[in-house]
Amino acid sequence: MYKKILLICILFVSSDFLIADDHAVEIASDGTVAEFNYFSVTNPVAFMKSLDMFDKSECANKWREESNVKVSLWALRGSPSSHFILVVYDNYDQMEKGRSIFTSCPESAKMLASFSRTTETDRTYNWVTENALSGRDWETNSVFSKFNFRVERGHEMHYASAWKNLMSNSLDLFDGSFGLNAVAYGNRYSTHMVYIGANSMQELADGLAAVRATDTYKDFVQETTGIVSGVHSQMVQFVKNFDGS
């Protein structure tokens, strides 16, 4: 009888630990690097047609297979741009391989040339980011708040530490993903961006409001106000993945 009770206790405690582990959120860099290609689209139908044609090409298939690249299209609000194409690689080695393939194909050249007819090319720009910290899987979310800003040189680690503390203390307030990216190239206006994800606009708004109502958020703002400038908020909505299907 004693052994049975002991076994039940062990199973109960073990189950409790498993549940805790399942709900644990690790906040760390996922190692990815990403290209954000911003466009002001003037002809959405023709723009999408050009992207779809390239997506189904042999070049695009080779690009995906050999560099494991993930490509998606997102719509923007609160930005001079209407959309961005997100190109994510596991690391810089994969990016180098992917860029080599992409820039050598006539299909990609044809797609790029088409943008002069479907976008305002003088407003097109891009940047390359490195993921510094992230939690939960951003690919499961469909809408995001994205904040672009500048951190004073020499204070990057200070900001990252403060932001990680804020997120660590806010995990129970929202269910979506979150991340901090450093802008490695193309950082004339912004040096960093953070994102908060959700599955609906209302869910996103509620989560942000809950975080901003906490003393931890007030402490975060107080701690970072002197080192952050040019904060620009944007709403981002998922449009489509380009995976050859």
C-alpha atoms as a PDB file:
ATOM      1  CA  MET A   1       0.000   0.000   0.000  1.00  0.00           C
ATOM      2  CA  TYR A   2       2.823   2.405   0.952  1.00  0.00           C
ATOM      3  CA  LYS A   3       4.587   1.706  -2.379  1.00  0.00           C
ATOM      4  CA  LYS A   4       1.400   2.450  -4.325  1.00  0.00           C
ATOM      5  CA  ILE A   5       0.909   5.769  -2.508  1.00  0.00           C
ATOM      6  CA  LEU A   6       4.584   6.679  -3.101  1.00  0.00           C
ATOM      7  CA  LEU A   7       4.258   5.827  -6.814  1.00  0.00           C
ATOM      8  CA  ILE A   8       1.139   7.995  -7.145  1.00  0.00           C
ATOM      9  CA  CYS A   9       2.939  10.896  -5.441  1.00  0.00           C
ATOM     10  CA  ILE A  10       5.944  10.554  -7.755  1.00  0.00           C
ATOM     11  CA  LEU A  11       3.699  10.491 -10.833  1.00  0.00           C
ATOM     12  CA  PHE A  12       1.777  13.526  -9.595  1.00  0.00           C
ATOM     13  CA  VAL A  13       4.945  15.552  -8.929  1.00  0.00           C
ATOM     14  CA  SER A  14       6.485  14.472 -12.244  1.00  0.00           C
ATOM     15  CA  SER A  15       3.333  15.461 -14.093  1.00  0.00           C
ATOM     16  CA  ASP A  16       3.426  18.849 -12.357  1.00  0.00           C
ATOM     17  CA  PHE A  17       6.988  19.438 -13.521  1.00  0.00           C
ATOM     18  CA  LEU A  18       6.086  18.453 -17.081  1.00  0.00           C
ATOM     19  CA  ILE A  19       3.257  20.949 -17.140  1.00  0.00           C
ATOM     20  CA  ALA A  20       5.556  23.666 -15.830  1.00  0.00           C
ATOM     21  CA  ASP A  21       8.184  22.863 -18.460  1.00  0.00           C
ATOM     22  CA  ASP A  22       5.557  22.861 -21.208  1.00  0.00           C
ATOM     23  CA  HIS A  23       4.523  26.407 -20.281  1.00  0.00           C
ATOM     24  CA  ALA A  24       8.052  27.730 -19.783  1.00  0.00           C
ATOM     25  CA  VAL A  25       9.090  30.419 -22.258  1.00  0.00           C
ATOM     26  CA  GLU A  26      12.747  30.751 -23.085  1.00  0.00           C
ATOM     27  CA  ILE A  27      13.809  34.273 -24.040  1.00  0.00           C
ATOM     28  CA  ALA A  28      16.966  34.025 -26.128  1.00  0.00           C
ATOM     29  CA  SER A  29      18.285  34.661 -29.627  1.00  0.00           C
ATOM     30  CA  ASP A  30      17.071  32.163 -32.217  1.00  0.00           C
ATOM     31  CA  GLY A  31      20.131  32.955 -34.368  1.00  0.00           C
ATOM     32  CA  THR A  32      18.137  34.058 -37.407  1.00  0.00           C
ATOM     33  CA  VAL A  33      18.935  36.909 -39.767  1.00  0.00           C
ATOM     34  CA  ALA A  34      16.243  38.558 -41.844  1.00  0.00           C
ATOM     35  CA  GLU A  35      15.801  40.902 -44.778  1.00  0.00           C
ATOM     36  CA  PHE A  36      12.893  43.349 -44.535  1.00  0.00           C
ATOM     37  CA  ASN A  37      12.099  44.642 -48.050  1.00  0.00           C
ATOM     38  CA  TYR A  38       9.670  47.569 -47.858  1.00  0.00           C
ATOM     39  CA  PHE A  39       7.408  48.626 -50.745  1.00  0.00           C
ATOM     40  CA  SER A  40       4.752  51.215 -51.458  1.00  0.00           C
ATOM     41  CA  VAL A  41       2.549  49.146 -53.758  1.00  0.00           C
ATOM     42  CA  THR A  42       0.541  50.980 -56.440  1.00  0.00           C
ATOM     43  CA  ASN A  43      -0.827  47.959 -58.330  1.00  0.00           C
ATOM     44  CA  PRO A  44      -1.544  45.154 -55.818  1.00  0.00           C
ATOM     45  CA  VAL A  45      -2.883  42.657 -58.385  1.00  0.00           C
ATOM     46  CA  ALA A  46       0.141  42.920 -60.699  1.00  0.00           C
ATOM     47  CA  PHE A  47       2.504  42.989 -57.710  1.00  0.00           C
ATOM     48  CA  MET A  48       1.093  39.715 -56.356  1.00  0.00           C
ATOM     49  CA  LYS A  49       1.104  38.128 -59.813  1.00  0.00           C
ATOM     50  CA  SER A  50       4.822  38.846 -60.195  1.00  0.00           C
ATOM     51  CA  LEU A  51       5.605  37.407 -56.752  1.00  0.00           C
ATOM     52  CA  ASP A  52       3.543  34.277 -57.439  1.00  0.00           C
ATOM     53  CA  MET A  53       5.235  33.691 -60.798  1.00  0.00           C
ATOM     54  CA  PHE A  54       8.669  33.811 -59.191  1.00  0.00           C
ATOM     55  CA  ASP A  55       7.534  31.656 -56.277  1.00  0.00           C
ATOM     56  CA  LYS A  56       6.668  28.812 -58.650  1.00  0.00           C
ATOM     57  CA  SER A  57       9.904  29.068 -60.640  1.00  0.00           C
ATOM     58  CA  GLU A  58      12.825  26.614 -60.551  1.00  0.00           C
ATOM     59  CA  CYS A  59      14.982  29.405 -59.173  1.00  0.00           C
ATOM     60  CA  ALA A  60      12.702  29.941 -56.175  1.00  0.00           C
ATOM     61  CA  ASN A  61      12.563  26.208 -55.522  1.00  0.00           C
ATOM     62  CA  LYS A  62      16.355  25.943 -55.572  1.00  0.00           C
ATOM     63  CA  TRP A  63      16.612  29.001 -53.339  1.00  0.00           C
ATOM     64  CA  ARG A  64      14.349  27.416 -50.727  1.00  0.00           C
ATOM     65  CA  GLU A  65      15.868  23.934 -50.881  1.00  0.00           C
ATOM     66  CA  GLU A  66      19.518  24.985 -50.653  1.00  0.00           C
ATOM     67  CA  SER A  67      19.310  27.871 -48.187  1.00  0.00           C
ATOM     68  CA  ASN A  68      16.197  26.907 -46.167  1.00  0.00           C
ATOM     69  CA  VAL A  69      14.905  30.440 -46.661  1.00  0.00           C
ATOM     70  CA  LYS A  70      11.414  31.405 -45.471  1.00  0.00           C
ATOM     71  CA  VAL A  71       9.636  34.105 -47.472  1.00  0.00           C
ATOM     72  CA  SER A  72       6.368  35.876 -46.641  1.00  0.00           C
ATOM     73  CA  LEU A  73       4.415  39.015 -47.494  1.00  0.00           C
ATOM     74  CA  TRP A  74       3.007  41.383 -44.856  1.00  0.00           C
ATOM     75  CA  ALA A  75       0.746  44.454 -45.008  1.00  0.00           C
ATOM     76  CA  LEU A  76       1.580  47.582 -43.012  1.00  0.00           C
ATOM     77  CA  ARG A  77      -0.403  50.335 -41.311  1.00  0.00           C
ATOM     78  CA  GLY A  78       1.197  53.386 -39.716  1.00  0.00           C
ATOM     79  CA  SER A  79       4.048  53.352 -42.228  1.00  0.00           C
ATOM     80  CA  PRO A  80       4.994  55.170 -45.459  1.00  0.00           C
ATOM     81  CA  SER A  81       5.227  51.671 -46.961  1.00  0.00           C
ATOM     82  CA  SER A  82       2.182  49.521 -47.671  1.00  0.00           C
ATOM     83  CA  HIS A  83       3.914  46.110 -47.523  1.00  0.00           C
ATOM     84  CA  PHE A  84       7.137  44.329 -46.791  1.00  0.00           C
ATOM     85  CA  ILE A  85       8.531  41.030 -48.008  1.00  0.00           C
ATOM     86  CA  LEU A  86      10.193  39.193 -45.133  1.00  0.00           C
ATOM     87  CA  VAL A  87      13.092  36.883 -46.032  1.00  0.00           C
ATOM     88  CA  VAL A  88      14.389  34.846 -43.076  1.00  0.00           C
ATOM     89  CA  TYR A  89      17.522  32.693 -42.942  1.00  0.00           C
ATOM     90  CA  ASP A  90      18.778  30.450 -40.147  1.00  0.00           C
ATOM     91  CA  ASN A  91      22.132  32.265 -40.093  1.00  0.00           C
ATOM     92  CA  TYR A  92      24.539  34.346 -42.189  1.00  0.00           C
ATOM     93  CA  ASP A  93      26.009  31.304 -43.927  1.00  0.00           C
ATOM     94  CA  GLN A  94      22.554  30.393 -45.230  1.00  0.00           C
ATOM     95  CA  MET A  95      21.942  34.006 -46.210  1.00  0.00           C
ATOM     96  CA  GLU A  96      25.169  34.086 -48.209  1.00  0.00           C
ATOM     97  CA  LYS A  97      24.167  30.899 -50.002  1.00  0.00           C
ATOM     98  CA  GLY A  98      20.633  32.171 -50.592  1.00  0.00           C
ATOM     99  CA  ARG A  99      21.726  35.563 -51.889  1.00  0.00           C
ATOM    100  CA  SER A 100      24.095  33.880 -54.327  1.00  0.00           C
ATOM    101  CA  ILE A 101      21.261  31.770 -55.759  1.00  0.00           C
ATOM    102  CA  PHE A 102      18.676  34.553 -55.827  1.00  0.00           C
ATOM    103  CA  THR A 103      20.877  37.119 -57.573  1.00  0.00           C
ATOM    104  CA  SER A 104      22.020  34.676 -60.267  1.00  0.00           C
ATOM    105  CA  CYS A 105      18.570  33.780 -61.650  1.00  0.00           C
ATOM    106  CA  PRO A 106      16.854  35.429 -64.630  1.00  0.00           C
ATOM    107  CA  GLU A 107      13.497  34.770 -62.909  1.00  0.00           C
ATOM    108  CA  SER A 108      14.429  36.914 -59.912  1.00  0.00           C
ATOM    109  CA  ALA A 109      15.789  39.651 -62.187  1.00  0.00           C
ATOM    110  CA  LYS A 110      12.474  39.679 -64.070  1.00  0.00           C
ATOM    111  CA  MET A 111      10.538  39.983 -60.813  1.00  0.00           C
ATOM    112  CA  LEU A 112      12.716  42.838 -59.556  1.00  0.00           C
ATOM    113  CA  ALA A 113      12.330  44.674 -62.866  1.00  0.00           C
ATOM    114  CA  SER A 114       8.539  44.412 -62.588  1.00  0.00           C
ATOM    115  CA  PHE A 115       8.516  46.428 -59.355  1.00  0.00           C
ATOM    116  CA  SER A 116       9.032  49.647 -61.344  1.00  0.00           C
ATOM    117  CA  ARG A 117       5.505  49.108 -62.738  1.00  0.00           C
ATOM    118  CA  THR A 118       3.807  48.040 -59.501  1.00  0.00           C
ATOM    119  CA  THR A 119       5.474  50.099 -56.747  1.00  0.00           C
ATOM    120  CA  GLU A 120       6.875  53.554 -56.051  1.00  0.00           C
ATOM    121  CA  THR A 121      10.520  52.525 -56.443  1.00  0.00           C
ATOM    122  CA  ASP A 122      11.894  55.779 -55.006  1.00  0.00           C
ATOM    123  CA  ARG A 123      10.272  54.780 -51.697  1.00  0.00           C
ATOM    124  CA  THR A 124      11.588  51.213 -51.702  1.00  0.00           C
ATOM    125  CA  TYR A 125      14.184  50.339 -49.074  1.00  0.00           C
ATOM    126  CA  ASN A 126      15.383  47.394 -47.018  1.00  0.00           C
ATOM    127  CA  TRP A 127      17.353  46.460 -43.953  1.00  0.00           C
ATOM    128  CA  VAL A 128      18.962  43.338 -42.514  1.00  0.00           C
ATOM    129  CA  THR A 129      18.303  42.392 -38.893  1.00  0.00           C
ATOM    130  CA  GLU A 130      19.803  39.940 -36.413  1.00  0.00           C
ATOM    131  CA  ASN A 131      17.519  38.410 -33.813  1.00  0.00           C
ATOM    132  CA  ALA A 132      18.814  39.399 -30.384  1.00  0.00           C
ATOM    133  CA  LEU A 133      16.039  37.974 -28.198  1.00  0.00           C
ATOM    134  CA  SER A 134      12.752  36.224 -28.872  1.00  0.00           C
ATOM    135  CA  GLY A 135      10.094  34.141 -27.178  1.00  0.00           C
ATOM    136  CA  ARG A 136       7.375  31.861 -28.566  1.00  0.00           C
ATOM    137  CA  ASP A 137       6.986  31.051 -32.254  1.00  0.00           C
ATOM    138  CA  TRP A 138       6.240  34.180 -34.319  1.00  0.00           C
ATOM    139  CA  GLU A 139       5.109  32.047 -37.267  1.00  0.00           C
ATOM    140  CA  THR A 140       1.971  31.058 -35.342  1.00  0.00           C
ATOM    141  CA  ASN A 141       0.728  34.672 -35.211  1.00  0.00           C
ATOM    142  CA  SER A 142      -1.036  36.670 -37.915  1.00  0.00           C
ATOM    143  CA  VAL A 143      -0.922  40.250 -36.627  1.00  0.00           C
ATOM    144  CA  PHE A 144       1.846  42.209 -34.913  1.00  0.00           C
ATOM    145  CA  SER A 145       2.771  45.518 -33.382  1.00  0.00           C
ATOM    146  CA  LYS A 146       6.238  46.476 -34.601  1.00  0.00           C
ATOM    147  CA  PHE A 147       8.233  49.280 -33.017  1.00  0.00           C
ATOM    148  CA  ASN A 148      11.264  50.745 -34.805  1.00  0.00           C
ATOM    149  CA  PHE A 149      13.635  52.992 -32.840  1.00  0.00           C
ATOM    150  CA  ARG A 150      17.204  54.118 -32.215  1.00  0.00           C
ATOM    151  CA  VAL A 151      19.326  53.082 -29.219  1.00  0.00           C
ATOM    152  CA  GLU A 152      22.281  55.279 -28.323  1.00  0.00           C
ATOM    153  CA  ARG A 153      25.590  53.671 -29.238  1.00  0.00           C
ATOM    154  CA  GLY A 154      27.135  51.792 -26.336  1.00  0.00           C
ATOM    155  CA  HIS A 155      23.763  51.186 -24.646  1.00  0.00           C
ATOM    156  CA  GLU A 156      22.575  48.242 -26.729  1.00  0.00           C
ATOM    157  CA  MET A 157      23.083  45.661 -23.974  1.00  0.00           C
ATOM    158  CA  HIS A 158      21.455  47.942 -21.418  1.00  0.00           C
ATOM    159  CA  TYR A 159      18.306  48.181 -23.541  1.00  0.00           C
ATOM    160  CA  ALA A 160      18.243  44.439 -24.282  1.00  0.00           C
ATOM    161  CA  SER A 161      18.508  43.620 -20.579  1.00  0.00           C
ATOM    162  CA  ALA A 162      15.681  46.003 -19.668  1.00  0.00           C
ATOM    163  CA  TRP A 163      13.446  44.708 -22.463  1.00  0.00           C
ATOM    164  CA  LYS A 164      14.083  41.069 -21.513  1.00  0.00           C
ATOM    165  CA  ASN A 165      13.122  41.866 -17.921  1.00  0.00           C
ATOM    166  CA  LEU A 166       9.893  43.504 -19.122  1.00  0.00           C
ATOM    167  CA  MET A 167       8.958  40.493 -21.246  1.00  0.00           C
ATOM    168  CA  SER A 168       9.890  38.015 -18.517  1.00  0.00           C
ATOM    169  CA  ASN A 169       7.510  39.743 -16.142  1.00  0.00           C
ATOM    170  CA  SER A 170       4.707  40.046 -18.708  1.00  0.00           C
ATOM    171  CA  LEU A 171       4.376  36.449 -19.912  1.00  0.00           C
ATOM    172  CA  ASP A 172       1.043  35.913 -18.178  1.00  0.00           C
ATOM    173  CA  LEU A 173      -0.477  39.017 -19.785  1.00  0.00           C
ATOM    174  CA  PHE A 174      -0.511  37.868 -23.413  1.00  0.00           C
ATOM    175  CA  ASP A 175      -0.114  34.608 -25.350  1.00  0.00           C
ATOM    176  CA  GLY A 176       1.625  35.825 -28.489  1.00  0.00           C
ATOM    177  CA  SER A 177       5.200  35.842 -29.656  1.00  0.00           C
ATOM    178  CA  PHE A 178       7.691  38.646 -29.111  1.00  0.00           C
ATOM    179  CA  GLY A 179      11.190  39.562 -30.159  1.00  0.00           C
ATOM    180  CA  LEU A 180      13.969  42.141 -30.304  1.00  0.00           C
ATOM    181  CA  ASN A 181      15.940  42.506 -33.548  1.00  0.00           C
ATOM    182  CA  ALA A 182      19.083  44.576 -34.053  1.00  0.00           C
ATOM    183  CA  VAL A 183      19.304  46.310 -37.436  1.00  0.00           C
ATOM    184  CA  ALA A 184      22.710  45.229 -38.715  1.00  0.00           C
ATOM    185  CA  TYR A 185      22.561  46.888 -42.141  1.00  0.00           C
ATOM    186  CA  GLY A 186      20.365  49.745 -43.340  1.00  0.00           C
ATOM    187  CA  ASN A 187      20.288  51.315 -39.877  1.00  0.00           C
ATOM    188  CA  ARG A 188      20.282  54.979 -40.874  1.00  0.00           C
ATOM    189  CA  TYR A 189      16.989  55.698 -39.106  1.00  0.00           C
ATOM    190  CA  SER A 190      16.493  52.753 -36.739  1.00  0.00           C
ATOM    191  CA  THR A 191      18.991  50.567 -34.929  1.00  0.00           C
ATOM    192  CA  HIS A 192      16.473  48.141 -33.435  1.00  0.00           C
ATOM    193  CA  MET A 193      12.927  46.878 -33.681  1.00  0.00           C
ATOM    194  CA  VAL A 194      10.714  44.915 -31.304  1.00  0.00           C
ATOM    195  CA  TYR A 195       7.557  43.004 -32.156  1.00  0.00           C
ATOM    196  CA  ILE A 196       4.581  41.649 -30.225  1.00  0.00           C
ATOM    197  CA  GLY A 197       2.380  39.056 -31.946  1.00  0.00           C
ATOM    198  CA  ALA A 198      -1.240  37.925 -31.663  1.00  0.00           C
ATOM    199  CA  ASN A 199      -3.973  36.194 -33.666  1.00  0.00           C
ATOM    200  CA  SER A 200      -6.361  39.159 -33.895  1.00  0.00           C
ATOM    201  CA  MET A 201      -6.190  42.932 -33.649  1.00  0.00           C
ATOM    202  CA  GLN A 202      -8.298  42.938 -30.490  1.00  0.00           C
ATOM    203  CA  GLU A 203      -6.114  40.300 -28.861  1.00  0.00           C
ATOM    204  CA  LEU A 204      -3.062  42.377 -29.762  1.00  0.00           C
ATOM    205  CA  ALA A 205      -4.561  45.598 -28.382  1.00  0.00           C
ATOM    206  CA  ASP A 206      -5.626  43.887 -25.149  1.00  0.00           C
ATOM    207  CA  GLY A 207      -2.172  42.373 -24.640  1.00  0.00           C
ATOM    208  CA  LEU A 208      -0.372  45.672 -25.179  1.00  0.00           C
ATOM    209  CA  ALA A 209      -2.767  47.477 -22.842  1.00  0.00           C
ATOM    210  CA  ALA A 210      -2.233  44.868 -20.132  1.00  0.00           C
ATOM    211  CA  VAL A 211       1.559  45.182 -20.350  1.00  0.00           C
ATOM    212  CA  ARG A 212       1.471  48.987 -20.345  1.00  0.00           C
ATOM    213  CA  ALA A 213      -0.657  49.035 -17.198  1.00  0.00           C
ATOM    214  CA  THR A 214       2.032  47.351 -15.085  1.00  0.00           C
ATOM    215  CA  ASP A 215       4.633  48.913 -12.814  1.00  0.00           C
ATOM    216  CA  THR A 216       7.260  46.848 -14.651  1.00  0.00           C
ATOM    217  CA  TYR A 217       6.428  48.719 -17.868  1.00  0.00           C
ATOM    218  CA  LYS A 218       6.681  52.071 -16.098  1.00  0.00           C
ATOM    219  CA  ASP A 219      10.083  51.056 -14.748  1.00  0.00           C
ATOM    220  CA  PHE A 220      11.144  49.950 -18.241  1.00  0.00           C
ATOM    221  CA  VAL A 221      10.177  53.298 -19.773  1.00  0.00           C
ATOM    222  CA  GLN A 222      11.963  55.179 -17.011  1.00  0.00           C
ATOM    223  CA  GLU A 223      15.089  53.067 -17.429  1.00  0.00           C
ATOM    224  CA  THR A 224      15.301  53.388 -21.220  1.00  0.00           C
ATOM    225  CA  THR A 225      13.943  56.889 -21.942  1.00  0.00           C
ATOM    226  CA  GLY A 226      17.401  58.457 -22.001  1.00  0.00           C
ATOM    227  CA  ILE A 227      18.858  55.954 -24.473  1.00  0.00           C
ATOM    228  CA  VAL A 228      15.968  55.492 -26.936  1.00  0.00           C
ATOM    229  CA  SER A 229      14.689  57.893 -29.603  1.00  0.00           C
ATOM    230  CA  GLY A 230      12.611  57.947 -32.797  1.00  0.00           C
ATOM    231  CA  VAL A 231      10.103  55.315 -31.693  1.00  0.00           C
ATOM    232  CA  HIS A 232       7.797  54.494 -34.617  1.00  0.00           C
ATOM    233  CA  SER A 233       4.935  52.018 -34.161  1.00  0.00           C
ATOM    234  CA  GLN A 234       3.381  50.001 -36.987  1.00  0.00           C
ATOM    235  CA  MET A 235       0.647  47.399 -37.331  1.00  0.00           C
ATOM    236  CA  VAL A 236       1.678  44.359 -39.373  1.00  0.00           C
ATOM    237  CA  GLN A 237      -0.739  41.819 -40.875  1.00  0.00           C
ATOM    238  CA  PHE A 238       0.098  38.511 -42.509  1.00  0.00           C
ATOM    239  CA  VAL A 239      -0.787  38.242 -46.212  1.00  0.00           C
ATOM    240  CA  LYS A 240       0.888  35.136 -47.628  1.00  0.00           C
ATOM    241  CA  ASN A 241       3.742  32.634 -47.335  1.00  0.00           C
ATOM    242  CA  PHE A 242       5.739  31.934 -50.487  1.00  0.00           C
ATOM    243  CA  ASP A 243       6.594  28.249 -50.277  1.00  0.00           C
ATOM    244  CA  GLY A 244       5.985  27.147 -53.878  1.00  0.00           C
ATOM    245  CA  SER A 245       2.478  25.867 -53.220  1.00  0.00           C
END
